[in-house]
């Protein structure tokens, strides 16, 4: 594992040059590598303002030396509850601790927003991601406890109470 360089986190800004494109590209890369882009992915990644921000969600960007290397969203799914979604790290920067640092930052942001619960859905193929989620306090849960997933690939469901 390489040493983690100084990563800077900030909120996604619709007017910030490169944010929308980086959010889309980072997510499309990993989804297309392991799965197929689904209609919900396409909608959300093309219009994150409409599908994430406007309904009360947040997107966070991680950068190293002004290069965006990761992103993650909190999608509002009820009063005080958010879904951790669209978490991605640039493929050339994986296995450096960026994903874990990004998720830790997002969990702290959720706490500062007054969230009491975080949920997420993933796929059993993504063993490294599942390990990161577990290491930061997420527990496996029955999918019936969550909103039905719009994604065919979702077969692992987790939550964390803050």
N, C-alpha and C. Protein backbone atom coordinates (compact mmCIF):
# COMPACT_ATOMS: atom_id res chain seq x y z
N UNK A 1 0.86 -1.19 0.00
CA UNK A 1 0.00 0.00 0.00
C UNK A 1 0.89 1.24 0.00
N UNK A 2 0.58 2.15 -0.85
CA UNK A 2 1.34 3.40 -0.91
C UNK A 2 0.87 4.35 0.19
N UNK A 3 1.75 5.23 0.57
CA UNK A 3 1.41 6.22 1.58
C UNK A 3 0.40 7.21 1.01
N UNK A 4 -0.61 7.51 1.79
CA UNK A 4 -1.64 8.45 1.36
C UNK A 4 -1.09 9.87 1.36
N UNK A 5 -1.19 10.50 0.21
CA UNK A 5 -0.78 11.90 0.12
C UNK A 5 -1.86 12.75 0.79
N UNK A 6 -1.61 14.03 0.91
CA UNK A 6 -2.58 14.92 1.53
C UNK A 6 -3.81 15.06 0.64
N UNK A 7 -4.92 14.58 1.13
CA UNK A 7 -6.17 14.67 0.37
C UNK A 7 -7.01 15.79 0.96
N UNK A 8 -7.59 16.58 0.08
CA UNK A 8 -8.44 17.70 0.48
C UNK A 8 -9.87 17.38 0.07
N UNK A 9 -10.80 17.61 0.98
CA UNK A 9 -12.22 17.36 0.70
C UNK A 9 -12.96 18.68 0.63
N UNK A 10 -13.94 18.72 -0.26
CA UNK A 10 -14.80 19.90 -0.37
C UNK A 10 -16.13 19.46 -0.96
N UNK A 11 -17.10 20.34 -0.85
CA UNK A 11 -18.42 20.08 -1.43
C UNK A 11 -18.38 20.28 -2.94
N UNK A 12 -19.13 19.46 -3.62
CA UNK A 12 -19.37 19.58 -5.06
C UNK A 12 -20.02 20.93 -5.30
N UNK A 13 -19.58 21.62 -6.34
CA UNK A 13 -20.19 22.89 -6.70
C UNK A 13 -20.57 22.83 -8.17
N UNK A 14 -21.85 23.06 -8.44
CA UNK A 14 -22.35 22.97 -9.81
C UNK A 14 -21.57 23.88 -10.76
N UNK A 15 -21.14 25.03 -10.28
CA UNK A 15 -20.43 25.96 -11.13
C UNK A 15 -18.92 25.76 -11.16
N UNK A 16 -18.42 24.86 -10.31
CA UNK A 16 -16.98 24.61 -10.24
C UNK A 16 -16.53 23.84 -11.47
N UNK A 17 -15.63 24.40 -12.25
CA UNK A 17 -15.18 23.70 -13.46
C UNK A 17 -14.65 22.30 -13.13
N UNK A 18 -15.18 21.31 -13.81
CA UNK A 18 -14.69 19.95 -13.67
C UNK A 18 -15.43 19.08 -12.68
N UNK A 19 -16.20 19.64 -11.74
CA UNK A 19 -16.86 18.81 -10.74
C UNK A 19 -17.87 17.85 -11.35
N UNK A 20 -18.77 18.36 -12.15
CA UNK A 20 -19.81 17.51 -12.73
C UNK A 20 -19.18 16.41 -13.59
N UNK A 21 -18.21 16.80 -14.43
CA UNK A 21 -17.55 15.84 -15.32
C UNK A 21 -16.77 14.79 -14.51
N UNK A 22 -16.04 15.22 -13.50
CA UNK A 22 -15.27 14.27 -12.67
C UNK A 22 -16.21 13.31 -11.96
N UNK A 23 -17.30 13.80 -11.41
CA UNK A 23 -18.28 12.96 -10.72
C UNK A 23 -18.82 11.90 -11.68
N UNK A 24 -19.16 12.32 -12.89
CA UNK A 24 -19.70 11.39 -13.89
C UNK A 24 -18.64 10.37 -14.32
N UNK A 25 -17.47 10.84 -14.69
CA UNK A 25 -16.43 9.96 -15.23
C UNK A 25 -15.94 8.96 -14.17
N UNK A 26 -15.66 9.43 -12.97
CA UNK A 26 -15.18 8.52 -11.92
C UNK A 26 -16.18 7.39 -11.68
N UNK A 27 -17.45 7.72 -11.65
CA UNK A 27 -18.47 6.70 -11.40
C UNK A 27 -18.70 5.80 -12.61
N UNK A 28 -18.74 6.38 -13.80
CA UNK A 28 -18.94 5.55 -14.99
C UNK A 28 -17.81 4.54 -15.15
N UNK A 29 -16.57 4.93 -14.81
CA UNK A 29 -15.43 4.03 -14.96
C UNK A 29 -15.59 2.76 -14.13
N UNK A 30 -15.90 2.92 -12.84
CA UNK A 30 -15.98 1.71 -12.02
C UNK A 30 -17.23 0.91 -12.32
N UNK A 31 -18.34 1.59 -12.59
CA UNK A 31 -19.57 0.85 -12.87
C UNK A 31 -19.41 0.03 -14.15
N UNK A 32 -18.89 0.66 -15.20
CA UNK A 32 -18.72 -0.04 -16.48
C UNK A 32 -17.70 -1.17 -16.38
N UNK A 33 -16.71 -1.03 -15.50
CA UNK A 33 -15.70 -2.06 -15.35
C UNK A 33 -16.29 -3.34 -14.76
N UNK A 34 -17.17 -3.20 -13.78
CA UNK A 34 -17.70 -4.36 -13.07
C UNK A 34 -19.13 -4.74 -13.44
N UNK A 35 -19.90 -3.79 -13.96
CA UNK A 35 -21.32 -4.00 -14.20
C UNK A 35 -21.72 -3.34 -15.51
N UNK A 36 -22.97 -2.96 -15.59
CA UNK A 36 -23.51 -2.23 -16.74
C UNK A 36 -24.15 -0.95 -16.20
N UNK A 37 -23.94 0.16 -16.89
CA UNK A 37 -24.62 1.39 -16.48
C UNK A 37 -26.11 1.19 -16.63
N UNK A 38 -26.84 1.44 -15.56
CA UNK A 38 -28.29 1.30 -15.59
C UNK A 38 -28.91 2.68 -15.78
N UNK A 39 -30.18 2.71 -16.11
CA UNK A 39 -30.87 3.97 -16.39
C UNK A 39 -30.75 4.95 -15.22
N UNK A 40 -30.88 4.46 -14.00
CA UNK A 40 -30.77 5.33 -12.81
C UNK A 40 -29.37 5.92 -12.70
N UNK A 41 -28.33 5.14 -13.04
CA UNK A 41 -26.96 5.67 -13.06
C UNK A 41 -26.86 6.82 -14.04
N UNK A 42 -27.34 6.59 -15.24
CA UNK A 42 -27.23 7.59 -16.30
C UNK A 42 -27.92 8.89 -15.90
N UNK A 43 -29.13 8.79 -15.36
CA UNK A 43 -29.86 9.98 -14.92
C UNK A 43 -29.08 10.73 -13.83
N UNK A 44 -28.69 9.99 -12.80
CA UNK A 44 -28.04 10.61 -11.65
C UNK A 44 -26.70 11.23 -12.02
N UNK A 45 -25.93 10.55 -12.86
CA UNK A 45 -24.61 11.05 -13.21
C UNK A 45 -24.66 12.20 -14.20
N UNK A 46 -25.68 12.26 -15.03
CA UNK A 46 -25.83 13.38 -15.97
C UNK A 46 -26.37 14.63 -15.29
N UNK A 47 -27.22 14.44 -14.29
CA UNK A 47 -27.85 15.57 -13.62
C UNK A 47 -27.80 15.42 -12.09
N UNK A 48 -26.60 15.45 -11.51
CA UNK A 48 -26.51 15.27 -10.06
C UNK A 48 -27.22 16.37 -9.27
N UNK A 49 -27.29 17.55 -9.84
CA UNK A 49 -28.00 18.64 -9.16
C UNK A 49 -29.48 18.28 -8.98
N UNK A 50 -30.09 17.74 -10.01
CA UNK A 50 -31.51 17.39 -9.99
C UNK A 50 -31.78 16.17 -9.10
N UNK A 51 -30.94 15.15 -9.21
CA UNK A 51 -31.24 13.88 -8.54
C UNK A 51 -30.59 13.71 -7.17
N UNK A 52 -29.59 14.53 -6.84
CA UNK A 52 -28.95 14.40 -5.53
C UNK A 52 -29.08 15.69 -4.72
N UNK A 53 -28.64 16.81 -5.29
CA UNK A 53 -28.59 18.05 -4.52
C UNK A 53 -29.96 18.67 -4.25
N UNK A 54 -30.77 18.81 -5.29
CA UNK A 54 -32.07 19.47 -5.13
C UNK A 54 -32.96 18.78 -4.10
N UNK A 55 -32.99 17.44 -4.04
CA UNK A 55 -33.81 16.77 -3.02
C UNK A 55 -33.21 16.77 -1.61
N UNK A 56 -32.09 17.51 -1.41
CA UNK A 56 -31.53 17.62 -0.07
C UNK A 56 -30.26 16.83 0.17
N UNK A 57 -29.67 16.30 -0.87
CA UNK A 57 -28.43 15.53 -0.73
C UNK A 57 -27.19 16.40 -0.87
N UNK A 58 -26.05 15.74 -0.81
CA UNK A 58 -24.76 16.41 -0.87
C UNK A 58 -23.80 15.54 -1.66
N UNK A 59 -22.83 16.17 -2.30
CA UNK A 59 -21.76 15.45 -2.99
C UNK A 59 -20.44 16.04 -2.51
N UNK A 60 -19.49 15.17 -2.24
CA UNK A 60 -18.17 15.60 -1.78
C UNK A 60 -17.12 15.13 -2.77
N UNK A 61 -16.15 15.99 -2.99
CA UNK A 61 -15.05 15.71 -3.90
C UNK A 61 -13.76 15.63 -3.09
N UNK A 62 -12.90 14.70 -3.47
CA UNK A 62 -11.60 14.58 -2.85
C UNK A 62 -10.53 14.87 -3.89
N UNK A 63 -9.54 15.67 -3.51
CA UNK A 63 -8.48 16.00 -4.47
C UNK A 63 -7.12 15.93 -3.81
N UNK A 64 -6.14 15.66 -4.65
CA UNK A 64 -4.74 15.67 -4.25
C UNK A 64 -4.03 16.58 -5.24
N UNK A 65 -3.34 17.58 -4.74
CA UNK A 65 -2.64 18.54 -5.61
C UNK A 65 -3.56 19.08 -6.71
N UNK A 66 -4.77 19.47 -6.34
CA UNK A 66 -5.77 20.05 -7.25
C UNK A 66 -6.29 19.09 -8.32
N UNK A 67 -5.97 17.80 -8.20
CA UNK A 67 -6.53 16.79 -9.11
C UNK A 67 -7.63 16.04 -8.37
N UNK A 68 -8.83 16.01 -8.94
CA UNK A 68 -9.94 15.28 -8.31
C UNK A 68 -9.65 13.79 -8.43
N UNK A 69 -9.60 13.11 -7.27
CA UNK A 69 -9.26 11.69 -7.24
C UNK A 69 -10.39 10.83 -6.70
N UNK A 70 -11.44 11.45 -6.17
CA UNK A 70 -12.54 10.67 -5.63
C UNK A 70 -13.76 11.52 -5.38
N UNK A 71 -14.87 10.84 -5.18
CA UNK A 71 -16.13 11.52 -4.90
C UNK A 71 -17.06 10.57 -4.15
N UNK A 72 -18.05 11.15 -3.51
CA UNK A 72 -19.06 10.37 -2.80
C UNK A 72 -20.27 11.26 -2.55
N UNK A 73 -21.44 10.66 -2.62
CA UNK A 73 -22.68 11.42 -2.40
C UNK A 73 -23.42 10.92 -1.17
N UNK A 74 -24.15 11.84 -0.58
CA UNK A 74 -25.14 11.52 0.45
C UNK A 74 -26.49 11.86 -0.18
N UNK A 75 -27.31 10.85 -0.39
CA UNK A 75 -28.62 11.06 -0.98
C UNK A 75 -29.65 11.04 0.15
N UNK A 76 -30.41 12.12 0.27
CA UNK A 76 -31.42 12.21 1.33
C UNK A 76 -32.47 11.13 1.10
N UNK A 77 -32.74 10.33 2.16
CA UNK A 77 -33.78 9.30 2.01
C UNK A 77 -34.70 9.27 3.23
N UNK A 78 -34.92 10.42 3.78
CA UNK A 78 -35.82 10.53 4.92
C UNK A 78 -35.21 11.47 5.94
N UNK A 79 -36.01 11.94 6.85
CA UNK A 79 -35.55 12.88 7.86
C UNK A 79 -34.41 12.27 8.67
N UNK A 80 -33.23 12.85 8.54
CA UNK A 80 -32.08 12.39 9.29
C UNK A 80 -31.43 11.12 8.77
N UNK A 81 -31.80 10.71 7.58
CA UNK A 81 -31.24 9.49 7.01
C UNK A 81 -30.73 9.79 5.60
N UNK A 82 -29.54 9.26 5.30
CA UNK A 82 -28.94 9.45 3.99
C UNK A 82 -28.41 8.12 3.46
N UNK A 83 -28.44 7.99 2.16
CA UNK A 83 -27.79 6.86 1.51
C UNK A 83 -26.41 7.31 1.04
N UNK A 84 -25.38 6.55 1.37
CA UNK A 84 -24.04 6.78 0.85
C UNK A 84 -24.03 6.16 -0.54
N UNK A 85 -23.74 6.96 -1.56
CA UNK A 85 -23.86 6.47 -2.93
C UNK A 85 -22.83 7.12 -3.84
N UNK A 86 -22.64 6.51 -4.98
CA UNK A 86 -21.76 7.06 -6.03
C UNK A 86 -20.38 7.39 -5.48
N UNK A 87 -19.86 6.47 -4.66
CA UNK A 87 -18.51 6.63 -4.14
C UNK A 87 -17.55 6.04 -5.17
N UNK A 88 -16.58 6.82 -5.57
CA UNK A 88 -15.63 6.37 -6.58
C UNK A 88 -14.26 6.97 -6.32
N UNK A 89 -13.23 6.21 -6.67
CA UNK A 89 -11.85 6.67 -6.61
C UNK A 89 -11.22 6.40 -7.97
N UNK A 90 -10.46 7.36 -8.45
CA UNK A 90 -9.77 7.20 -9.73
C UNK A 90 -8.99 5.89 -9.71
N UNK A 91 -9.13 5.12 -10.78
CA UNK A 91 -8.50 3.80 -10.83
C UNK A 91 -6.99 3.85 -10.59
N UNK A 92 -6.33 4.87 -11.08
CA UNK A 92 -4.87 4.98 -10.91
C UNK A 92 -4.49 5.32 -9.47
N UNK A 93 -5.47 5.68 -8.64
CA UNK A 93 -5.21 6.09 -7.25
C UNK A 93 -5.76 5.08 -6.23
N UNK A 94 -6.21 3.94 -6.69
CA UNK A 94 -6.79 2.97 -5.75
C UNK A 94 -5.71 2.33 -4.90
N UNK A 95 -6.16 1.75 -3.79
CA UNK A 95 -5.28 1.06 -2.84
C UNK A 95 -4.28 2.00 -2.17
N UNK A 96 -4.67 3.25 -2.02
CA UNK A 96 -3.84 4.24 -1.32
C UNK A 96 -4.55 4.79 -0.08
N UNK A 97 -5.72 4.25 0.24
CA UNK A 97 -6.46 4.72 1.40
C UNK A 97 -7.40 5.87 1.11
N UNK A 98 -7.52 6.25 -0.15
CA UNK A 98 -8.37 7.39 -0.52
C UNK A 98 -9.84 7.08 -0.26
N UNK A 99 -10.29 5.89 -0.65
CA UNK A 99 -11.69 5.52 -0.46
C UNK A 99 -12.08 5.54 1.01
N UNK A 100 -11.22 5.00 1.86
CA UNK A 100 -11.50 4.98 3.29
C UNK A 100 -11.53 6.38 3.86
N UNK A 101 -10.57 7.22 3.44
CA UNK A 101 -10.55 8.61 3.90
C UNK A 101 -11.79 9.37 3.42
N UNK A 102 -12.20 9.10 2.19
CA UNK A 102 -13.39 9.75 1.62
C UNK A 102 -14.63 9.35 2.42
N UNK A 103 -14.77 8.07 2.69
CA UNK A 103 -15.94 7.60 3.43
C UNK A 103 -15.94 8.15 4.86
N UNK A 104 -14.77 8.18 5.50
CA UNK A 104 -14.70 8.74 6.86
C UNK A 104 -15.13 10.20 6.85
N UNK A 105 -14.71 10.95 5.83
CA UNK A 105 -15.12 12.35 5.71
C UNK A 105 -16.63 12.46 5.54
N UNK A 106 -17.19 11.63 4.68
CA UNK A 106 -18.64 11.68 4.40
C UNK A 106 -19.44 11.32 5.66
N UNK A 107 -18.96 10.36 6.43
CA UNK A 107 -19.64 10.00 7.68
C UNK A 107 -19.64 11.19 8.63
N UNK A 108 -18.51 11.87 8.75
CA UNK A 108 -18.44 13.06 9.61
C UNK A 108 -19.35 14.18 9.11
N UNK A 109 -19.41 14.36 7.80
CA UNK A 109 -20.32 15.36 7.23
C UNK A 109 -21.77 15.01 7.56
N UNK A 110 -22.11 13.74 7.47
CA UNK A 110 -23.48 13.31 7.79
C UNK A 110 -23.80 13.61 9.25
N UNK A 111 -22.84 13.35 10.13
CA UNK A 111 -23.04 13.68 11.56
C UNK A 111 -23.29 15.17 11.73
N UNK A 112 -22.49 15.99 11.02
CA UNK A 112 -22.65 17.44 11.16
C UNK A 112 -23.98 17.93 10.60
N UNK A 113 -24.57 17.15 9.71
CA UNK A 113 -25.90 17.47 9.16
C UNK A 113 -27.02 17.00 10.09
N UNK A 114 -26.66 16.32 11.16
CA UNK A 114 -27.66 15.82 12.10
C UNK A 114 -28.24 14.47 11.72
N UNK A 115 -27.58 13.76 10.83
CA UNK A 115 -28.08 12.44 10.42
C UNK A 115 -27.99 11.47 11.58
N UNK A 116 -28.96 10.57 11.66
CA UNK A 116 -28.92 9.53 12.67
C UNK A 116 -28.61 8.17 12.04
N UNK A 117 -28.77 8.08 10.69
CA UNK A 117 -28.57 6.79 10.03
C UNK A 117 -28.03 6.99 8.62
N UNK A 118 -27.12 6.09 8.24
CA UNK A 118 -26.63 6.02 6.87
C UNK A 118 -26.91 4.63 6.34
N UNK A 119 -27.27 4.55 5.07
CA UNK A 119 -27.49 3.27 4.42
C UNK A 119 -26.63 3.22 3.17
N UNK A 120 -26.44 2.02 2.66
CA UNK A 120 -25.78 1.89 1.36
C UNK A 120 -26.14 0.54 0.77
N UNK A 121 -25.97 0.47 -0.54
CA UNK A 121 -26.15 -0.79 -1.24
C UNK A 121 -24.97 -0.96 -2.17
N UNK A 122 -24.53 -2.20 -2.30
CA UNK A 122 -23.37 -2.49 -3.12
C UNK A 122 -23.53 -3.88 -3.70
N UNK A 123 -22.44 -4.44 -4.18
CA UNK A 123 -22.48 -5.77 -4.77
C UNK A 123 -21.38 -6.62 -4.15
N UNK A 124 -21.65 -7.90 -3.98
CA UNK A 124 -20.71 -8.81 -3.34
C UNK A 124 -19.40 -8.95 -4.10
N UNK A 125 -19.35 -8.58 -5.38
CA UNK A 125 -18.10 -8.59 -6.15
C UNK A 125 -17.10 -7.57 -5.61
N UNK A 126 -17.60 -6.51 -4.98
CA UNK A 126 -16.76 -5.39 -4.55
C UNK A 126 -16.25 -5.63 -3.13
N UNK A 127 -15.46 -6.68 -2.96
CA UNK A 127 -15.00 -7.11 -1.64
C UNK A 127 -14.18 -6.03 -0.92
N UNK A 128 -13.32 -5.32 -1.64
CA UNK A 128 -12.53 -4.25 -1.00
C UNK A 128 -13.42 -3.15 -0.48
N UNK A 129 -14.43 -2.76 -1.25
CA UNK A 129 -15.35 -1.70 -0.81
C UNK A 129 -16.12 -2.17 0.42
N UNK A 130 -16.59 -3.40 0.41
CA UNK A 130 -17.34 -3.93 1.55
C UNK A 130 -16.46 -3.92 2.79
N UNK A 131 -15.21 -4.29 2.64
CA UNK A 131 -14.27 -4.27 3.77
C UNK A 131 -14.12 -2.84 4.33
N UNK A 132 -14.01 -1.85 3.45
CA UNK A 132 -13.90 -0.45 3.90
C UNK A 132 -15.17 -0.05 4.65
N UNK A 133 -16.33 -0.39 4.11
CA UNK A 133 -17.59 -0.04 4.78
C UNK A 133 -17.64 -0.66 6.18
N UNK A 134 -17.30 -1.95 6.26
CA UNK A 134 -17.32 -2.63 7.56
C UNK A 134 -16.32 -2.00 8.53
N UNK A 135 -15.14 -1.64 8.03
CA UNK A 135 -14.10 -1.08 8.91
C UNK A 135 -14.50 0.27 9.50
N UNK A 136 -15.44 0.95 8.84
CA UNK A 136 -15.89 2.25 9.34
C UNK A 136 -17.28 2.17 9.99
N UNK A 137 -17.70 0.96 10.36
CA UNK A 137 -18.89 0.82 11.19
C UNK A 137 -20.18 0.41 10.52
N UNK A 138 -20.18 0.18 9.21
CA UNK A 138 -21.40 -0.28 8.55
C UNK A 138 -21.63 -1.75 8.86
N UNK A 139 -22.89 -2.10 9.06
CA UNK A 139 -23.30 -3.48 9.34
C UNK A 139 -24.24 -3.95 8.24
N UNK A 140 -24.15 -5.22 7.92
CA UNK A 140 -25.04 -5.80 6.93
C UNK A 140 -26.46 -5.80 7.49
N UNK A 141 -27.43 -5.55 6.61
CA UNK A 141 -28.82 -5.50 7.03
C UNK A 141 -29.71 -6.17 6.00
N UNK A 142 -30.88 -6.51 6.42
CA UNK A 142 -31.88 -7.09 5.53
C UNK A 142 -32.36 -6.01 4.57
N UNK A 143 -32.41 -6.29 3.27
CA UNK A 143 -32.84 -5.26 2.31
C UNK A 143 -34.26 -4.75 2.56
N UNK A 144 -35.07 -5.52 3.26
CA UNK A 144 -36.44 -5.06 3.53
C UNK A 144 -36.44 -3.86 4.48
N UNK A 145 -35.33 -3.59 5.17
CA UNK A 145 -35.23 -2.42 6.06
C UNK A 145 -34.96 -1.13 5.30
N UNK A 146 -34.64 -1.26 4.01
CA UNK A 146 -34.27 -0.11 3.19
C UNK A 146 -35.29 0.10 2.07
N UNK A 147 -35.20 1.26 1.45
CA UNK A 147 -36.02 1.50 0.26
C UNK A 147 -35.62 0.49 -0.81
N UNK A 148 -36.56 0.03 -1.62
CA UNK A 148 -36.20 -0.90 -2.70
C UNK A 148 -35.16 -0.26 -3.63
N UNK A 149 -34.17 -1.05 -4.00
CA UNK A 149 -33.08 -0.54 -4.83
C UNK A 149 -33.51 -0.40 -6.29
N UNK A 150 -33.10 0.69 -6.94
CA UNK A 150 -33.37 0.82 -8.38
C UNK A 150 -32.32 0.09 -9.22
N UNK A 151 -31.32 -0.53 -8.57
CA UNK A 151 -30.21 -1.14 -9.28
C UNK A 151 -30.29 -2.66 -9.27
N UNK A 152 -30.17 -3.26 -10.44
CA UNK A 152 -30.14 -4.71 -10.56
C UNK A 152 -28.92 -5.31 -9.85
N UNK A 153 -27.79 -4.58 -9.85
CA UNK A 153 -26.54 -5.11 -9.31
C UNK A 153 -26.52 -5.16 -7.78
N UNK A 154 -27.41 -4.44 -7.12
CA UNK A 154 -27.38 -4.35 -5.66
C UNK A 154 -27.78 -5.69 -5.03
N UNK A 155 -26.84 -6.29 -4.28
CA UNK A 155 -27.15 -7.53 -3.56
C UNK A 155 -26.57 -7.56 -2.16
N UNK A 156 -25.94 -6.46 -1.74
CA UNK A 156 -25.43 -6.31 -0.38
C UNK A 156 -25.97 -4.98 0.15
N UNK A 157 -26.58 -5.05 1.34
CA UNK A 157 -27.22 -3.87 1.91
C UNK A 157 -26.67 -3.64 3.30
N UNK A 158 -26.31 -2.40 3.61
CA UNK A 158 -25.67 -2.09 4.89
C UNK A 158 -26.26 -0.80 5.47
N UNK A 159 -26.09 -0.66 6.79
CA UNK A 159 -26.51 0.58 7.44
C UNK A 159 -25.61 0.83 8.64
N UNK A 160 -25.64 2.08 9.06
CA UNK A 160 -24.88 2.51 10.24
C UNK A 160 -25.72 3.54 10.96
N UNK A 161 -25.86 3.36 12.28
CA UNK A 161 -26.53 4.36 13.10
C UNK A 161 -25.45 5.25 13.70
N UNK A 162 -25.66 6.56 13.57
CA UNK A 162 -24.65 7.52 14.04
C UNK A 162 -24.94 7.97 15.47
